N, C-alpha and C. Protein backbone atom coordinates (compact mmCIF):
# COMPACT_ATOMS: atom_id res chain seq x y z
N MET A 1 0.90 -1.18 0.07
CA MET A 1 -0.11 0.01 -0.01
C MET A 1 0.95 1.21 0.00
N LEU A 2 1.88 1.37 0.92
CA LEU A 2 2.84 2.42 0.80
C LEU A 2 3.90 2.26 0.06
N ALA A 3 4.60 3.36 -0.59
CA ALA A 3 5.74 3.12 -1.41
C ALA A 3 6.98 2.82 -0.92
N THR A 4 6.96 3.53 0.50
CA THR A 4 8.10 3.37 1.41
C THR A 4 7.72 2.80 2.61
N HIS A 5 8.41 2.06 3.51
CA HIS A 5 8.30 1.67 4.57
C HIS A 5 8.69 2.46 5.82
N ASN A 6 8.61 3.69 5.69
CA ASN A 6 9.26 4.82 6.32
C ASN A 6 8.10 5.12 7.54
N GLY A 7 8.70 5.05 8.72
CA GLY A 7 7.69 5.18 9.80
C GLY A 7 7.17 6.64 9.85
N LYS A 8 7.69 7.70 9.46
CA LYS A 8 6.98 9.06 9.21
C LYS A 8 5.92 8.79 8.17
N GLN A 9 6.18 8.25 6.91
CA GLN A 9 5.25 8.09 5.79
C GLN A 9 4.04 7.21 6.30
N ASP A 10 4.42 6.29 7.22
CA ASP A 10 3.19 5.59 7.75
C ASP A 10 2.27 6.17 8.70
N VAL A 11 2.92 6.92 9.68
CA VAL A 11 2.15 7.90 10.47
C VAL A 11 1.33 8.94 9.67
N PHE A 12 1.85 9.61 8.58
CA PHE A 12 1.26 10.51 7.77
C PHE A 12 0.11 9.75 7.11
N CYS A 13 0.10 8.74 6.60
CA CYS A 13 -0.84 8.02 5.91
C CYS A 13 -1.97 7.47 6.88
N VAL A 14 -1.65 6.90 7.93
CA VAL A 14 -2.79 6.61 9.02
C VAL A 14 -3.45 7.84 9.47
N SER A 15 -2.83 8.94 9.83
CA SER A 15 -3.61 10.22 10.15
C SER A 15 -4.36 10.64 9.18
N LYS A 16 -4.09 10.63 7.93
CA LYS A 16 -5.10 11.04 6.74
C LYS A 16 -6.32 10.00 6.80
N LEU A 17 -5.99 8.86 6.87
CA LEU A 17 -7.06 7.69 6.70
C LEU A 17 -7.82 7.93 7.90
N LYS A 18 -7.35 8.05 8.96
CA LYS A 18 -8.19 8.04 10.28
C LYS A 18 -9.13 9.08 10.11
N VAL A 19 -9.05 10.40 9.75
CA VAL A 19 -9.81 11.38 9.48
C VAL A 19 -10.84 10.97 8.68
N LEU A 20 -10.77 10.44 7.77
CA LEU A 20 -11.71 9.95 6.83
C LEU A 20 -12.60 8.65 7.29
N THR A 21 -12.37 8.05 8.42
CA THR A 21 -13.28 7.00 8.90
C THR A 21 -14.76 7.39 9.39
N ASP A 22 -14.76 8.90 9.49
CA ASP A 22 -16.26 9.38 9.57
C ASP A 22 -16.93 9.55 8.27
N PRO A 23 -18.16 8.93 8.29
CA PRO A 23 -18.88 8.86 6.97
C PRO A 23 -19.35 10.46 6.58
N THR A 24 -19.53 11.27 7.39
CA THR A 24 -19.81 12.68 6.98
C THR A 24 -18.49 13.50 6.46
N ARG A 25 -17.29 13.08 6.88
CA ARG A 25 -16.25 13.69 6.37
C ARG A 25 -15.82 13.16 4.99
N LEU A 26 -16.11 11.75 4.91
CA LEU A 26 -15.80 11.09 3.63
C LEU A 26 -16.65 11.72 2.56
N SER A 27 -17.94 11.84 2.97
CA SER A 27 -18.90 12.31 2.09
C SER A 27 -18.62 13.63 1.71
N ALA A 28 -18.08 14.61 2.56
CA ALA A 28 -17.91 16.09 2.18
C ALA A 28 -16.64 15.97 1.32
N LEU A 29 -15.70 15.19 1.50
CA LEU A 29 -14.68 15.11 0.50
C LEU A 29 -14.84 14.70 -0.77
N LYS A 30 -15.90 13.56 -0.90
CA LYS A 30 -16.39 13.28 -2.19
C LYS A 30 -17.20 14.40 -3.06
N ILE A 31 -17.92 15.01 -2.24
CA ILE A 31 -18.66 16.04 -2.93
C ILE A 31 -17.82 17.25 -3.42
N LEU A 32 -16.61 17.44 -2.66
CA LEU A 32 -15.87 18.64 -2.99
C LEU A 32 -14.91 18.29 -4.21
N MET A 33 -15.16 17.05 -4.53
CA MET A 33 -14.34 16.61 -5.78
C MET A 33 -14.80 17.27 -7.00
N ASP A 34 -16.21 17.49 -6.95
CA ASP A 34 -16.96 18.13 -7.95
C ASP A 34 -16.54 19.75 -8.12
N GLY A 35 -16.02 20.20 -7.05
CA GLY A 35 -15.64 21.68 -7.05
C GLY A 35 -15.88 22.25 -5.72
N PRO A 36 -15.60 23.46 -5.46
CA PRO A 36 -15.95 24.15 -4.38
C PRO A 36 -17.36 24.36 -4.04
N LYS A 37 -17.50 24.41 -2.63
CA LYS A 37 -19.05 24.36 -2.26
C LYS A 37 -19.06 25.32 -1.07
N LYS A 38 -20.16 26.13 -0.72
CA LYS A 38 -20.38 26.78 0.25
C LYS A 38 -20.92 25.85 1.38
N VAL A 39 -20.88 26.51 2.76
CA VAL A 39 -21.15 25.52 3.76
C VAL A 39 -22.69 25.27 3.71
N SER A 40 -23.50 26.24 3.41
CA SER A 40 -25.01 26.05 3.14
C SER A 40 -25.26 24.93 2.18
N GLU A 41 -24.46 24.77 1.01
CA GLU A 41 -24.76 23.79 0.09
C GLU A 41 -24.45 22.40 0.63
N LEU A 42 -23.23 22.34 1.36
CA LEU A 42 -22.65 21.06 1.98
C LEU A 42 -23.86 20.61 2.89
N MET A 43 -24.43 21.55 3.89
CA MET A 43 -25.39 21.32 4.94
C MET A 43 -26.64 20.65 4.04
N THR A 44 -27.01 21.34 3.01
CA THR A 44 -28.25 20.78 2.11
C THR A 44 -27.88 19.42 1.85
N ILE A 45 -26.83 18.95 1.07
CA ILE A 45 -26.49 17.79 0.41
C ILE A 45 -26.28 16.71 1.63
N LEU A 46 -25.73 17.19 2.59
CA LEU A 46 -25.31 16.13 3.70
C LEU A 46 -26.45 15.84 4.63
N SER A 47 -27.42 16.90 4.74
CA SER A 47 -28.44 16.78 5.57
C SER A 47 -28.03 16.87 7.19
N VAL A 48 -26.98 17.64 7.42
CA VAL A 48 -26.52 17.80 8.82
C VAL A 48 -26.69 19.49 9.35
N GLU A 49 -26.69 19.35 10.49
CA GLU A 49 -26.84 20.66 11.15
C GLU A 49 -25.39 21.60 10.95
N GLN A 50 -25.56 22.80 11.10
CA GLN A 50 -24.49 23.67 10.69
C GLN A 50 -23.28 23.62 11.82
N SER A 51 -23.64 23.37 13.06
CA SER A 51 -22.55 23.29 13.83
C SER A 51 -21.81 21.96 13.75
N LEU A 52 -22.38 20.82 13.60
CA LEU A 52 -21.87 19.50 13.01
C LEU A 52 -21.01 19.61 11.94
N LEU A 53 -21.53 20.05 11.03
CA LEU A 53 -20.73 20.07 9.77
C LEU A 53 -19.46 21.08 9.99
N SER A 54 -19.59 22.06 10.62
CA SER A 54 -18.50 23.20 11.01
C SER A 54 -17.40 22.35 11.79
N HIS A 55 -17.72 21.26 12.57
CA HIS A 55 -16.76 20.54 13.29
C HIS A 55 -15.96 19.80 12.24
N HIS A 56 -16.67 19.08 11.41
CA HIS A 56 -16.10 17.98 10.60
C HIS A 56 -15.25 18.85 9.40
N LEU A 57 -15.79 19.88 9.07
CA LEU A 57 -14.78 20.71 8.23
C LEU A 57 -13.61 21.27 8.87
N CYS A 58 -13.79 21.41 10.07
CA CYS A 58 -12.62 21.98 10.87
C CYS A 58 -11.51 20.65 11.03
N VAL A 59 -12.18 19.51 11.10
CA VAL A 59 -11.12 18.40 11.16
C VAL A 59 -10.61 17.99 9.96
N LEU A 60 -11.20 18.39 8.83
CA LEU A 60 -10.63 18.19 7.38
C LEU A 60 -9.57 19.25 7.12
N ARG A 61 -9.97 20.50 7.56
CA ARG A 61 -8.94 21.49 7.39
C ARG A 61 -7.60 21.28 8.12
N ASP A 62 -7.86 20.77 9.30
CA ASP A 62 -6.51 20.57 10.13
C ASP A 62 -5.67 19.44 9.63
N ALA A 63 -6.34 18.42 9.00
CA ALA A 63 -5.76 17.48 8.28
C ALA A 63 -5.13 17.66 6.98
N GLY A 64 -5.29 19.08 6.67
CA GLY A 64 -4.79 19.40 5.43
C GLY A 64 -5.47 18.88 4.12
N LEU A 65 -6.75 18.47 4.44
CA LEU A 65 -7.49 17.97 3.10
C LEU A 65 -8.26 18.88 2.45
N VAL A 66 -8.88 19.88 3.01
CA VAL A 66 -9.61 21.07 2.41
C VAL A 66 -9.21 22.33 2.80
N ILE A 67 -9.34 23.35 2.15
CA ILE A 67 -9.05 24.79 2.56
C ILE A 67 -10.34 25.64 2.55
N ALA A 68 -10.48 26.62 3.34
CA ALA A 68 -11.66 27.46 3.09
C ALA A 68 -11.26 28.83 2.80
N ASN A 69 -12.01 29.49 2.08
CA ASN A 69 -12.06 30.97 1.54
C ASN A 69 -13.28 31.69 1.98
N ARG A 70 -13.30 33.11 2.27
CA ARG A 70 -14.63 33.64 2.43
C ARG A 70 -15.02 34.07 1.06
N SER A 71 -16.31 33.91 0.79
CA SER A 71 -17.00 34.57 -0.40
C SER A 71 -18.22 35.22 0.24
N SER A 72 -17.92 36.64 0.06
CA SER A 72 -18.61 37.39 0.76
C SER A 72 -19.06 36.99 2.28
N LYS A 73 -20.25 36.89 2.57
CA LYS A 73 -20.57 36.43 3.80
C LYS A 73 -20.39 34.92 4.07
N ALA A 74 -20.32 34.11 3.21
CA ALA A 74 -20.25 32.62 3.22
C ALA A 74 -18.72 31.95 3.23
N MET A 75 -18.68 31.00 3.78
CA MET A 75 -17.27 30.17 3.49
C MET A 75 -17.43 29.14 2.51
N LEU A 76 -16.36 29.19 1.61
CA LEU A 76 -16.47 28.21 0.60
C LEU A 76 -15.30 27.27 0.64
N TYR A 77 -15.67 26.05 0.57
CA TYR A 77 -14.57 25.02 0.86
C TYR A 77 -14.15 24.23 -0.44
N ARG A 78 -12.97 23.82 -0.56
CA ARG A 78 -12.41 23.09 -1.65
C ARG A 78 -11.52 22.20 -1.28
N LEU A 79 -11.02 21.32 -2.16
CA LEU A 79 -10.04 20.20 -1.78
C LEU A 79 -8.76 21.21 -1.71
N ALA A 80 -7.81 20.76 -0.68
CA ALA A 80 -6.57 21.51 -0.57
C ALA A 80 -5.54 21.36 -1.79
N PRO A 81 -4.81 22.17 -2.20
CA PRO A 81 -3.63 21.99 -3.07
C PRO A 81 -2.89 20.71 -2.76
N GLY A 82 -2.61 19.84 -3.64
CA GLY A 82 -2.02 18.64 -3.24
C GLY A 82 -2.92 17.38 -3.16
N VAL A 83 -4.10 17.69 -2.65
CA VAL A 83 -5.16 16.54 -2.65
C VAL A 83 -5.84 16.70 -3.74
N GLU A 84 -5.19 16.00 -5.01
CA GLU A 84 -6.00 15.90 -6.18
C GLU A 84 -7.07 15.23 -6.43
N GLY A 85 -8.20 15.75 -6.94
CA GLY A 85 -9.21 14.90 -7.21
C GLY A 85 -9.35 14.78 -8.62
N PHE A 86 -9.56 13.42 -9.13
CA PHE A 86 -9.86 13.13 -10.47
C PHE A 86 -11.18 12.78 -10.64
N ALA A 87 -12.15 13.72 -11.01
CA ALA A 87 -13.70 13.53 -11.02
C ALA A 87 -13.88 12.41 -11.91
N ALA A 88 -13.21 12.19 -12.98
CA ALA A 88 -13.63 11.18 -13.94
C ALA A 88 -13.27 9.96 -13.40
N SER A 89 -12.40 9.69 -12.67
CA SER A 89 -12.14 8.46 -11.91
C SER A 89 -12.56 8.13 -10.76
N ARG A 90 -13.35 9.27 -10.10
CA ARG A 90 -13.77 9.40 -8.78
C ARG A 90 -12.64 8.95 -7.80
N THR A 91 -11.31 9.57 -8.13
CA THR A 91 -10.31 9.24 -7.20
C THR A 91 -9.54 10.56 -6.54
N ILE A 92 -9.06 10.28 -5.24
CA ILE A 92 -8.65 11.52 -4.70
C ILE A 92 -7.12 11.06 -4.20
N ASN A 93 -5.99 11.75 -4.49
CA ASN A 93 -4.74 11.58 -3.98
C ASN A 93 -4.38 12.06 -2.82
N LEU A 94 -4.22 11.32 -1.75
CA LEU A 94 -4.05 11.90 -0.30
C LEU A 94 -2.59 12.01 -0.12
N GLY A 95 -1.74 11.75 -1.09
CA GLY A 95 -0.22 11.90 -0.87
C GLY A 95 0.53 10.59 -0.47
N CYS A 96 -0.17 9.63 0.23
CA CYS A 96 0.44 8.52 0.54
C CYS A 96 -0.50 7.31 -0.11
N CYS A 97 -1.65 7.51 -0.58
CA CYS A 97 -2.26 6.72 -1.33
C CYS A 97 -3.34 7.39 -2.05
N GLN A 98 -4.20 6.63 -2.87
CA GLN A 98 -5.46 7.07 -3.45
C GLN A 98 -6.74 6.47 -3.10
N LEU A 99 -7.64 7.29 -2.82
CA LEU A 99 -8.96 6.68 -2.42
C LEU A 99 -9.76 6.70 -3.83
N ALA A 100 -10.35 5.50 -4.23
CA ALA A 100 -11.38 5.65 -5.28
C ALA A 100 -12.69 5.48 -4.66
N PHE A 101 -13.62 6.23 -5.11
CA PHE A 101 -15.14 6.09 -4.65
C PHE A 101 -15.67 5.37 -5.71
N ASP A 102 -16.38 4.28 -5.25
CA ASP A 102 -17.34 3.50 -6.22
C ASP A 102 -18.83 3.71 -5.79
N ASP A 103 -19.67 3.82 -6.61
CA ASP A 103 -20.92 4.02 -6.30
C ASP A 103 -21.61 2.72 -6.67
N LEU A 104 -22.20 2.17 -5.78
CA LEU A 104 -23.01 0.84 -5.80
C LEU A 104 -24.39 0.98 -5.85
N HIS A 105 -25.31 0.54 -6.79
CA HIS A 105 -26.64 0.79 -7.01
C HIS A 105 -27.32 -0.63 -6.61
N GLN A 106 -27.93 -0.66 -5.57
CA GLN A 106 -28.70 -1.82 -5.23
C GLN A 106 -30.12 -1.41 -4.86
N ASP A 107 -31.05 -2.02 -5.35
CA ASP A 107 -32.31 -1.96 -4.68
C ASP A 107 -32.79 -0.37 -4.86
N ARG A 108 -32.38 0.25 -5.84
CA ARG A 108 -32.61 1.80 -6.05
C ARG A 108 -31.83 2.70 -4.84
N SER A 109 -31.24 2.18 -3.92
CA SER A 109 -30.61 2.81 -3.04
C SER A 109 -29.00 2.84 -3.45
N GLU A 110 -28.48 3.94 -3.10
CA GLU A 110 -27.02 4.35 -3.46
C GLU A 110 -26.29 3.99 -2.14
N LYS A 111 -25.40 2.98 -2.47
CA LYS A 111 -24.36 2.80 -1.25
C LYS A 111 -22.87 3.23 -1.81
N GLN A 112 -21.99 3.66 -0.98
CA GLN A 112 -20.79 4.04 -1.22
C GLN A 112 -19.60 3.07 -0.86
N ALA A 113 -18.67 2.91 -1.54
CA ALA A 113 -17.69 1.91 -1.39
C ALA A 113 -16.37 2.67 -1.66
N VAL A 114 -15.43 2.66 -0.74
CA VAL A 114 -14.12 3.20 -0.96
C VAL A 114 -12.87 2.34 -1.24
N ARG A 115 -12.30 2.38 -2.15
CA ARG A 115 -10.85 1.69 -2.32
C ARG A 115 -9.59 2.32 -2.20
N ILE A 116 -8.51 1.69 -1.49
CA ILE A 116 -7.60 2.38 -1.44
C ILE A 116 -6.73 1.77 -2.51
N VAL A 117 -6.10 2.47 -3.53
CA VAL A 117 -5.25 2.32 -4.66
C VAL A 117 -3.98 2.67 -4.52
């Protein structure tokens, strides 16, 4: 899974993946692959309260996965530089590994699968 078996690289990778164990944070990252979004847009898409979403976005920011910019009165979030999103292949490069999002359709309900590549 890792290109090197360096202790620092392992810790880096584990810390990034640990942040993404929360389904809301993982979903937010997936949504941001399609481009920047305002907090209000993310709240609507994810169906979460503003205070909870702010917490999750803060965790993603602290992990270096997203950045925020003020757009008039609203905060606009996007993938951080270096966290490359490849929308066509639904893949994000975390620096230590890549996450690929697969949408599985069963019984008209959408399920999400994530592969580490």
